[in-house]
Amino acid sequence: MTIPQEQFDDLLTRTALAALFYYPEVVVDDADYNIENDIAYCMEPVSAIWDQDAERLRAVIGRVIANPTAHRSELLALVIELAPPPIE
């Protein structure tokens, strides 16, 4: 199934926002916080993606939210792999 590039762009934007508002102590400061909710929010634009690819994305998004500097290139590489080539 091909997901349009715009939807992957939305996923990247949502992931950046989730990472921006994440801080390590959030679990202590907010008992209701669950990173899985942030990951689900980030995945909404690509909800029609194959399950195997979705699992890969979820794992990388979780790492990016917690440590964007260390994992953002991994997410970008996966999005490039999964997104359709640009139309020229």
Protein backbone atom coordinates (compact mmCIF):
# COMPACT_ATOMS: atom_id res chain seq x y z
CA MET A 1 0.00 0.00 0.00
CA THR A 2 1.38 3.37 -0.97
CA ILE A 3 1.01 6.18 1.54
CA PRO A 4 1.36 9.69 0.04
CA GLN A 5 4.48 11.68 0.95
CA GLU A 6 2.29 14.38 2.54
CA GLN A 7 1.13 11.88 5.15
CA PHE A 8 4.71 10.98 6.00
CA ASP A 9 5.48 14.70 6.26
CA ASP A 10 2.62 14.98 8.77
CA LEU A 11 4.08 12.03 10.72
CA LEU A 12 7.45 13.79 10.88
CA THR A 13 5.85 17.04 12.04
CA ARG A 14 3.88 15.27 14.76
CA THR A 15 6.97 13.37 15.89
CA ALA A 16 8.96 16.59 16.11
CA LEU A 17 6.24 18.17 18.24
CA ALA A 18 6.04 15.14 20.53
CA ALA A 19 9.83 15.22 20.94
CA LEU A 20 9.77 18.95 21.63
CA PHE A 21 7.36 18.53 24.53
CA TYR A 22 8.92 15.34 25.93
CA TYR A 23 11.22 15.49 28.91
CA PRO A 24 12.57 12.49 30.86
CA GLU A 25 10.82 13.39 34.13
CA VAL A 26 7.38 13.54 32.50
CA VAL A 27 6.62 10.03 33.78
CA VAL A 28 7.28 11.20 37.34
CA ASP A 29 5.59 14.59 36.97
CA ASP A 30 2.52 13.35 35.12
CA ALA A 31 1.17 9.97 36.19
CA ASP A 32 -1.20 9.96 33.20
CA TYR A 33 1.60 10.32 30.63
CA ASN A 34 2.18 7.35 28.36
CA ILE A 35 4.60 7.56 25.43
CA GLU A 36 2.39 5.10 23.55
CA ASN A 37 -0.25 7.84 23.30
CA ASP A 38 2.30 10.15 21.67
CA ILE A 39 3.36 7.40 19.28
CA ALA A 40 -0.28 6.71 18.33
CA TYR A 41 -0.78 10.44 17.67
CA CYS A 42 2.30 10.49 15.42
CA MET A 43 1.11 7.39 13.52
CA GLU A 44 -2.38 8.72 12.74
CA PRO A 45 -1.48 10.12 9.28
CA VAL A 46 -0.14 6.75 8.14
CA SER A 47 -2.70 4.50 9.83
CA ALA A 48 -3.24 2.54 6.61
CA ILE A 49 0.37 1.37 6.42
CA TRP A 50 1.17 -2.35 6.53
CA ASP A 51 1.42 -3.78 10.06
CA GLN A 52 5.07 -4.80 9.69
CA ASP A 53 6.06 -1.30 8.58
CA ALA A 54 3.89 0.27 11.28
CA GLU A 55 5.72 -1.68 13.97
CA ARG A 56 9.07 -0.49 12.64
CA LEU A 57 7.84 3.10 12.57
CA ARG A 58 6.38 2.91 16.09
CA ALA A 59 9.68 1.67 17.50
CA VAL A 60 11.71 4.41 15.81
CA ILE A 61 9.20 7.15 16.69
CA GLY A 62 9.41 6.17 20.36
CA ARG A 63 13.19 6.46 20.25
CA VAL A 64 13.01 9.81 18.46
CA ILE A 65 10.57 11.24 20.99
CA ALA A 66 12.87 10.24 23.86
CA ASN A 67 16.14 11.22 22.17
CA PRO A 68 15.72 13.10 18.88
CA THR A 69 19.39 13.86 18.35
CA ALA A 70 20.41 10.23 18.49
CA HIS A 71 17.59 8.78 16.38
CA ARG A 72 16.21 11.36 13.94
CA SER A 73 18.35 10.13 11.04
CA GLU A 74 17.03 6.61 11.62
CA LEU A 75 13.45 7.89 11.32
CA LEU A 76 14.23 9.91 8.21
CA ALA A 77 15.86 6.89 6.56
CA LEU A 78 12.82 4.74 7.32
CA VAL A 79 10.41 7.36 5.99
CA ILE A 80 12.47 7.64 2.80
CA GLU A 81 12.33 3.85 2.47
CA LEU A 82 8.55 3.69 2.97
CA ALA A 83 7.40 6.85 1.17
CA PRO A 84 6.76 6.79 -2.57
CA PRO A 85 9.38 8.40 -4.78
CA PRO A 86 8.68 12.05 -5.63
CA ILE A 87 6.84 12.69 -8.87
CA GLU A 88 8.97 14.67 -11.29
